[in-house]
PDB file of all heavy atoms in Angstrom:
ATOM      1  N   PRO A   1     -17.135  23.336 -13.467  1.00  0.00           N
ATOM      2  CA  PRO A   1     -17.878  22.570 -12.474  1.00  0.00           C
ATOM      3  C   PRO A   1     -17.946  21.074 -12.749  1.00  0.00           C
ATOM      4  O   PRO A   1     -17.859  20.232 -11.787  1.00  0.00           O
ATOM      5  CB  PRO A   1     -19.280  23.173 -12.454  1.00  0.00           C
ATOM      6  CG  PRO A   1     -19.025  24.609 -12.870  1.00  0.00           C
ATOM      7  CD  PRO A   1     -17.933  24.483 -13.925  1.00  0.00           C
ATOM      8  N   GLN A   2     -18.057  20.713 -13.992  1.00  0.00           N
ATOM      9  CA  GLN A   2     -18.095  19.284 -14.377  1.00  0.00           C
ATOM     10  C   GLN A   2     -16.782  18.558 -14.025  1.00  0.00           C
ATOM     11  O   GLN A   2     -16.799  17.435 -13.548  1.00  0.00           O
ATOM     12  CB  GLN A   2     -18.326  19.089 -15.915  1.00  0.00           C
ATOM     13  CG  GLN A   2     -19.615  19.720 -16.393  1.00  0.00           C
ATOM     14  CD  GLN A   2     -19.425  21.159 -16.777  1.00  0.00           C
ATOM     15  OE1 GLN A   2     -18.417  21.819 -16.443  1.00  0.00           O
ATOM     16  NE2 GLN A   2     -20.404  21.620 -17.568  1.00  0.00           N
ATOM     17  N   ALA A   3     -15.674  19.251 -14.176  1.00  0.00           N
ATOM     18  CA  ALA A   3     -14.339  18.692 -13.822  1.00  0.00           C
ATOM     19  C   ALA A   3     -14.254  18.525 -12.325  1.00  0.00           C
ATOM     20  O   ALA A   3     -13.726  17.539 -11.808  1.00  0.00           O
ATOM     21  CB  ALA A   3     -13.212  19.560 -14.349  1.00  0.00           C
ATOM     22  N   VAL A   4     -14.757  19.407 -11.589  1.00  0.00           N
ATOM     23  CA  VAL A   4     -14.745  19.351 -10.088  1.00  0.00           C
ATOM     24  C   VAL A   4     -15.518  18.171  -9.665  1.00  0.00           C
ATOM     25  O   VAL A   4     -15.113  17.345  -8.782  1.00  0.00           O
ATOM     26  CB  VAL A   4     -15.289  20.642  -9.399  1.00  0.00           C
ATOM     27  CG1 VAL A   4     -15.299  20.512  -7.910  1.00  0.00           C
ATOM     28  CG2 VAL A   4     -14.380  21.845  -9.803  1.00  0.00           C
ATOM     29  N   ALA A   5     -16.729  17.975 -10.249  1.00  0.00           N
ATOM     30  CA  ALA A   5     -17.615  16.876  -9.883  1.00  0.00           C
ATOM     31  C   ALA A   5     -16.925  15.517 -10.239  1.00  0.00           C
ATOM     32  O   ALA A   5     -17.004  14.579  -9.424  1.00  0.00           O
ATOM     33  CB  ALA A   5     -18.925  16.952 -10.591  1.00  0.00           C
ATOM     34  N   ARG A   6     -16.286  15.416 -11.375  1.00  0.00           N
ATOM     35  CA  ARG A   6     -15.539  14.190 -11.726  1.00  0.00           C
ATOM     36  C   ARG A   6     -14.458  13.917 -10.773  1.00  0.00           C
ATOM     37  O   ARG A   6     -14.277  12.747 -10.286  1.00  0.00           O
ATOM     38  CB  ARG A   6     -14.905  14.328 -13.124  1.00  0.00           C
ATOM     39  CG  ARG A   6     -15.822  14.020 -14.283  1.00  0.00           C
ATOM     40  CD  ARG A   6     -15.031  13.856 -15.588  1.00  0.00           C
ATOM     41  NE  ARG A   6     -14.062  14.878 -15.871  1.00  0.00           N
ATOM     42  CZ  ARG A   6     -14.338  16.087 -16.484  1.00  0.00           C
ATOM     43  NH1 ARG A   6     -15.554  16.317 -16.860  1.00  0.00           N
ATOM     44  NH2 ARG A   6     -13.389  16.936 -16.680  1.00  0.00           N
ATOM     45  N   TRP A   7     -13.691  14.923 -10.315  1.00  0.00           N
ATOM     46  CA  TRP A   7     -12.646  14.797  -9.356  1.00  0.00           C
ATOM     47  C   TRP A   7     -13.151  14.270  -8.023  1.00  0.00           C
ATOM     48  O   TRP A   7     -12.620  13.390  -7.422  1.00  0.00           O
ATOM     49  CB  TRP A   7     -11.943  16.128  -9.240  1.00  0.00           C
ATOM     50  CG  TRP A   7     -10.833  16.195  -8.207  1.00  0.00           C
ATOM     51  CD1 TRP A   7      -9.630  15.524  -8.194  1.00  0.00           C
ATOM     52  CD2 TRP A   7     -10.871  16.928  -6.988  1.00  0.00           C
ATOM     53  NE1 TRP A   7      -8.950  15.826  -7.059  1.00  0.00           N
ATOM     54  CE2 TRP A   7      -9.664  16.665  -6.318  1.00  0.00           C
ATOM     55  CE3 TRP A   7     -11.829  17.788  -6.412  1.00  0.00           C
ATOM     56  CZ2 TRP A   7      -9.390  17.263  -5.066  1.00  0.00           C
ATOM     57  CZ3 TRP A   7     -11.536  18.369  -5.197  1.00  0.00           C
ATOM     58  CH2 TRP A   7     -10.279  18.099  -4.529  1.00  0.00           C
ATOM     59  N   VAL A   8     -14.282  14.889  -7.539  1.00  0.00           N
ATOM     60  CA  VAL A   8     -14.849  14.502  -6.282  1.00  0.00           C
ATOM     61  C   VAL A   8     -15.296  13.012  -6.366  1.00  0.00           C
ATOM     62  O   VAL A   8     -15.004  12.221  -5.400  1.00  0.00           O
ATOM     63  CB  VAL A   8     -16.050  15.444  -5.863  1.00  0.00           C
ATOM     64  CG1 VAL A   8     -16.840  14.803  -4.662  1.00  0.00           C
ATOM     65  CG2 VAL A   8     -15.523  16.776  -5.528  1.00  0.00           C
ATOM     66  N   ARG A   9     -15.930  12.624  -7.441  1.00  0.00           N
ATOM     67  CA  ARG A   9     -16.383  11.209  -7.550  1.00  0.00           C
ATOM     68  C   ARG A   9     -15.199  10.290  -7.559  1.00  0.00           C
ATOM     69  O   ARG A   9     -15.265   9.201  -6.939  1.00  0.00           O
ATOM     70  CB  ARG A   9     -17.206  10.999  -8.816  1.00  0.00           C
ATOM     71  CG  ARG A   9     -18.636  11.636  -8.663  1.00  0.00           C
ATOM     72  CD  ARG A   9     -19.560  11.254  -9.795  1.00  0.00           C
ATOM     73  NE  ARG A   9     -19.268  11.990 -11.040  1.00  0.00           N
ATOM     74  CZ  ARG A   9     -19.736  13.200 -11.370  1.00  0.00           C
ATOM     75  NH1 ARG A   9     -20.496  13.801 -10.548  1.00  0.00           N
ATOM     76  NH2 ARG A   9     -19.434  13.687 -12.520  1.00  0.00           N
ATOM     77  N   ALA A  10     -14.111  10.693  -8.178  1.00  0.00           N
ATOM     78  CA  ALA A  10     -12.887   9.858  -8.192  1.00  0.00           C
ATOM     79  C   ALA A  10     -12.304   9.757  -6.778  1.00  0.00           C
ATOM     80  O   ALA A  10     -11.849   8.715  -6.400  1.00  0.00           O
ATOM     81  CB  ALA A  10     -11.847  10.466  -9.132  1.00  0.00           C
ATOM     82  N   LEU A  11     -12.362  10.854  -5.991  1.00  0.00           N
ATOM     83  CA  LEU A  11     -11.875  10.797  -4.578  1.00  0.00           C
ATOM     84  C   LEU A  11     -12.639   9.755  -3.775  1.00  0.00           C
ATOM     85  O   LEU A  11     -12.067   9.022  -3.008  1.00  0.00           O
ATOM     86  CB  LEU A  11     -11.980  12.168  -3.954  1.00  0.00           C
ATOM     87  CG  LEU A  11     -10.997  13.240  -4.388  1.00  0.00           C
ATOM     88  CD1 LEU A  11     -11.345  14.579  -3.775  1.00  0.00           C
ATOM     89  CD2 LEU A  11      -9.577  12.803  -4.016  1.00  0.00           C
ATOM     90  N   PHE A  12     -13.967   9.753  -3.998  1.00  0.00           N
ATOM     91  CA  PHE A  12     -14.755   8.775  -3.256  1.00  0.00           C
ATOM     92  C   PHE A  12     -14.456   7.319  -3.655  1.00  0.00           C
ATOM     93  O   PHE A  12     -14.703   6.411  -2.936  1.00  0.00           O
ATOM     94  CB  PHE A  12     -16.270   9.096  -3.402  1.00  0.00           C
ATOM     95  CG  PHE A  12     -16.700  10.194  -2.535  1.00  0.00           C
ATOM     96  CD1 PHE A  12     -17.191  11.380  -3.095  1.00  0.00           C
ATOM     97  CD2 PHE A  12     -16.679  10.093  -1.154  1.00  0.00           C
ATOM     98  CE1 PHE A  12     -17.628  12.430  -2.293  1.00  0.00           C
ATOM     99  CE2 PHE A  12     -17.060  11.168  -0.316  1.00  0.00           C
ATOM    100  CZ  PHE A  12     -17.544  12.262  -0.882  1.00  0.00           C
ATOM    101  N   ARG A  13     -13.887   7.162  -4.803  1.00  0.00           N
ATOM    102  CA  ARG A  13     -13.429   5.820  -5.292  1.00  0.00           C
ATOM    103  C   ARG A  13     -12.003   5.493  -4.877  1.00  0.00           C
ATOM    104  O   ARG A  13     -11.462   4.469  -5.224  1.00  0.00           O
ATOM    105  CB  ARG A  13     -13.558   5.729  -6.804  1.00  0.00           C
ATOM    106  CG  ARG A  13     -15.050   5.694  -7.300  1.00  0.00           C
ATOM    107  CD  ARG A  13     -15.113   5.369  -8.783  1.00  0.00           C
ATOM    108  NE  ARG A  13     -14.266   6.179  -9.650  1.00  0.00           N
ATOM    109  CZ  ARG A  13     -14.671   7.324 -10.216  1.00  0.00           C
ATOM    110  NH1 ARG A  13     -15.914   7.759 -10.040  1.00  0.00           N
ATOM    111  NH2 ARG A  13     -13.840   7.942 -11.012  1.00  0.00           N
ATOM    112  N   GLY A  14     -11.394   6.438  -4.185  1.00  0.00           N
ATOM    113  CA  GLY A  14     -10.052   6.236  -3.685  1.00  0.00           C
ATOM    114  C   GLY A  14      -8.914   6.828  -4.517  1.00  0.00           C
ATOM    115  O   GLY A  14      -7.687   6.673  -4.200  1.00  0.00           O
ATOM    116  N   ARG A  15      -9.205   7.569  -5.582  1.00  0.00           N
ATOM    117  CA  ARG A  15      -8.204   8.168  -6.448  1.00  0.00           C
ATOM    118  C   ARG A  15      -7.807   9.557  -5.852  1.00  0.00           C
ATOM    119  O   ARG A  15      -8.616  10.423  -5.718  1.00  0.00           O
ATOM    120  CB  ARG A  15      -8.748   8.364  -7.840  1.00  0.00           C
ATOM    121  CG  ARG A  15      -7.714   8.923  -8.776  1.00  0.00           C
ATOM    122  CD  ARG A  15      -8.246   8.918 -10.212  1.00  0.00           C
ATOM    123  NE  ARG A  15      -7.382   9.666 -11.056  1.00  0.00           N
ATOM    124  CZ  ARG A  15      -7.687  10.831 -11.655  1.00  0.00           C
ATOM    125  NH1 ARG A  15      -8.873  11.381 -11.505  1.00  0.00           N
ATOM    126  NH2 ARG A  15      -6.844  11.486 -12.409  1.00  0.00           N
ATOM    127  N   ARG A  16      -6.562   9.749  -5.525  1.00  0.00           N
ATOM    128  CA  ARG A  16      -6.132  11.016  -4.869  1.00  0.00           C
ATOM    129  C   ARG A  16      -5.317  11.955  -5.735  1.00  0.00           C
ATOM    130  O   ARG A  16      -4.914  12.989  -5.340  1.00  0.00           O
ATOM    131  CB  ARG A  16      -5.296  10.671  -3.624  1.00  0.00           C
ATOM    132  CG  ARG A  16      -5.952   9.767  -2.642  1.00  0.00           C
ATOM    133  CD  ARG A  16      -6.434  10.605  -1.557  1.00  0.00           C
ATOM    134  NE  ARG A  16      -7.110   9.716  -0.577  1.00  0.00           N
ATOM    135  CZ  ARG A  16      -7.880  10.113   0.331  1.00  0.00           C
ATOM    136  NH1 ARG A  16      -8.139  11.355   0.457  1.00  0.00           N
ATOM    137  NH2 ARG A  16      -8.465   9.286   1.159  1.00  0.00           N
ATOM    138  N   THR A  17      -5.049  11.533  -6.957  1.00  0.00           N
ATOM    139  CA  THR A  17      -4.236  12.421  -7.812  1.00  0.00           C
ATOM    140  C   THR A  17      -5.078  13.537  -8.334  1.00  0.00           C
ATOM    141  O   THR A  17      -6.322  13.395  -8.525  1.00  0.00           O
ATOM    142  CB  THR A  17      -3.651  11.594  -8.983  1.00  0.00           C
ATOM    143  OG1 THR A  17      -4.747  11.000  -9.744  1.00  0.00           O
ATOM    144  CG2 THR A  17      -2.710  10.541  -8.511  1.00  0.00           C
ATOM    145  N   PRO A  18      -4.457  14.702  -8.662  1.00  0.00           N
ATOM    146  CA  PRO A  18      -5.214  15.850  -9.141  1.00  0.00           C
ATOM    147  C   PRO A  18      -5.833  15.577 -10.514  1.00  0.00           C
ATOM    148  O   PRO A  18      -5.292  14.779 -11.235  1.00  0.00           O
ATOM    149  CB  PRO A  18      -4.185  16.954  -9.229  1.00  0.00           C
ATOM    150  CG  PRO A  18      -2.958  16.474  -8.587  1.00  0.00           C
ATOM    151  CD  PRO A  18      -3.057  14.978  -8.438  1.00  0.00           C
ATOM    152  N   GLU A  19      -6.910  16.290 -10.758  1.00  0.00           N
ATOM    153  CA  GLU A  19      -7.517  16.256 -12.048  1.00  0.00           C
ATOM    154  C   GLU A  19      -6.552  16.870 -13.035  1.00  0.00           C
ATOM    155  O   GLU A  19      -5.855  17.817 -12.704  1.00  0.00           O
ATOM    156  CB  GLU A  19      -8.806  17.119 -11.971  1.00  0.00           C
ATOM    157  CG  GLU A  19      -9.565  17.237 -13.250  1.00  0.00           C
ATOM    158  CD  GLU A  19     -10.412  16.047 -13.603  1.00  0.00           C
ATOM    159  OE1 GLU A  19     -10.634  15.183 -12.782  1.00  0.00           O
ATOM    160  OE2 GLU A  19     -10.860  16.048 -14.779  1.00  0.00           O
ATOM    161  N   PRO A  20      -6.472  16.317 -14.265  1.00  0.00           N
ATOM    162  CA  PRO A  20      -5.608  16.974 -15.264  1.00  0.00           C
ATOM    163  C   PRO A  20      -5.993  18.407 -15.475  1.00  0.00           C
ATOM    164  O   PRO A  20      -7.154  18.804 -15.288  1.00  0.00           O
ATOM    165  CB  PRO A  20      -5.875  16.168 -16.524  1.00  0.00           C
ATOM    166  CG  PRO A  20      -6.487  14.863 -16.039  1.00  0.00           C
ATOM    167  CD  PRO A  20      -7.167  15.130 -14.771  1.00  0.00           C
ATOM    168  N   ARG A  21      -5.036  19.205 -15.822  1.00  0.00           N
ATOM    169  CA  ARG A  21      -5.315  20.639 -16.032  1.00  0.00           C
ATOM    170  C   ARG A  21      -6.434  20.840 -17.061  1.00  0.00           C
ATOM    171  O   ARG A  21      -6.459  20.255 -18.078  1.00  0.00           O
ATOM    172  CB  ARG A  21      -3.994  21.335 -16.542  1.00  0.00           C
ATOM    173  CG  ARG A  21      -4.176  22.806 -16.784  1.00  0.00           C
ATOM    174  CD  ARG A  21      -2.895  23.472 -17.127  1.00  0.00           C
ATOM    175  NE  ARG A  21      -2.145  23.546 -15.921  1.00  0.00           N
ATOM    176  CZ  ARG A  21      -0.832  23.774 -15.909  1.00  0.00           C
ATOM    177  NH1 ARG A  21      -0.209  23.991 -16.992  1.00  0.00           N
ATOM    178  NH2 ARG A  21      -0.212  23.873 -14.765  1.00  0.00           N
ATOM    179  N   SER A  22      -7.367  21.706 -16.629  1.00  0.00           N
ATOM    180  CA  SER A  22      -8.537  21.908 -17.505  1.00  0.00           C
ATOM    181  C   SER A  22      -8.638  23.293 -18.040  1.00  0.00           C
ATOM    182  O   SER A  22      -9.569  23.637 -18.699  1.00  0.00           O
ATOM    183  CB  SER A  22      -9.794  21.546 -16.723  1.00  0.00           C
ATOM    184  OG  SER A  22      -9.917  22.344 -15.574  1.00  0.00           O
ATOM    185  N   GLY A  23      -7.709  24.186 -17.698  1.00  0.00           N
ATOM    186  CA  GLY A  23      -7.821  25.541 -18.134  1.00  0.00           C
ATOM    187  C   GLY A  23      -6.447  26.217 -17.927  1.00  0.00           C
ATOM    188  O   GLY A  23      -5.438  25.619 -17.918  1.00  0.00           O
ATOM    189  N   ALA A  24      -6.510  27.543 -17.670  1.00  0.00           N
ATOM    190  CA  ALA A  24      -5.327  28.317 -17.472  1.00  0.00           C
ATOM    191  C   ALA A  24      -4.671  27.898 -16.160  1.00  0.00           C
ATOM    192  O   ALA A  24      -5.319  27.628 -15.130  1.00  0.00           O
ATOM    193  CB  ALA A  24      -5.657  29.779 -17.485  1.00  0.00           C
ATOM    194  N   PRO A  25      -3.334  27.890 -16.072  1.00  0.00           N
ATOM    195  CA  PRO A  25      -2.668  27.577 -14.859  1.00  0.00           C
ATOM    196  C   PRO A  25      -2.905  28.692 -13.823  1.00  0.00           C
ATOM    197  O   PRO A  25      -3.238  29.837 -14.151  1.00  0.00           O
ATOM    198  CB  PRO A  25      -1.207  27.503 -15.234  1.00  0.00           C
ATOM    199  CG  PRO A  25      -1.085  28.285 -16.491  1.00  0.00           C
ATOM    200  CD  PRO A  25      -2.426  28.144 -17.179  1.00  0.00           C
ATOM    201  N   ARG A  26      -2.731  28.334 -12.562  1.00  0.00           N
ATOM    202  CA  ARG A  26      -2.923  29.294 -11.475  1.00  0.00           C
ATOM    203  C   ARG A  26      -1.932  30.428 -11.665  1.00  0.00           C
ATOM    204  O   ARG A  26      -0.759  30.258 -11.891  1.00  0.00           O
ATOM    205  CB  ARG A  26      -2.618  28.579 -10.141  1.00  0.00           C
ATOM    206  CG  ARG A  26      -2.901  29.494  -8.975  1.00  0.00           C
ATOM    207  CD  ARG A  26      -2.744  28.733  -7.674  1.00  0.00           C
ATOM    208  NE  ARG A  26      -3.675  27.604  -7.694  1.00  0.00           N
ATOM    209  CZ  ARG A  26      -3.401  26.431  -7.155  1.00  0.00           C
ATOM    210  NH1 ARG A  26      -2.254  26.198  -6.635  1.00  0.00           N
ATOM    211  NH2 ARG A  26      -4.284  25.460  -7.156  1.00  0.00           N
ATOM    212  N   ASP A  27      -2.489  31.622 -11.508  1.00  0.00           N
ATOM    213  CA  ASP A  27      -1.721  32.864 -11.666  1.00  0.00           C
ATOM    214  C   ASP A  27      -1.956  33.654 -10.436  1.00  0.00           C
ATOM    215  O   ASP A  27      -3.105  33.991 -10.132  1.00  0.00           O
ATOM    216  CB  ASP A  27      -2.148  33.614 -12.916  1.00  0.00           C
ATOM    217  CG  ASP A  27      -1.496  34.909 -13.111  1.00  0.00           C
ATOM    218  OD1 ASP A  27      -0.688  35.373 -12.226  1.00  0.00           O
ATOM    219  OD2 ASP A  27      -1.835  35.608 -14.083  1.00  0.00           O
ATOM    220  N   PRO A  28      -0.925  34.039  -9.659  1.00  0.00           N
ATOM    221  CA  PRO A  28      -1.175  34.806  -8.413  1.00  0.00           C
ATOM    222  C   PRO A  28      -1.843  36.182  -8.690  1.00  0.00           C
ATOM    223  O   PRO A  28      -2.390  36.728  -7.777  1.00  0.00           O
ATOM    224  CB  PRO A  28       0.197  34.933  -7.823  1.00  0.00           C
ATOM    225  CG  PRO A  28       1.174  34.674  -8.903  1.00  0.00           C
ATOM    226  CD  PRO A  28       0.444  33.809  -9.896  1.00  0.00           C
TER     227      PRO A  28
END
């Protein structure tokens, strides 16, 4: 959740790049 909040705050500042990987990669 902390990483999601950091990412959202960055979006509001105009940063559109994804947050660096913070855990296991997406697995279908």
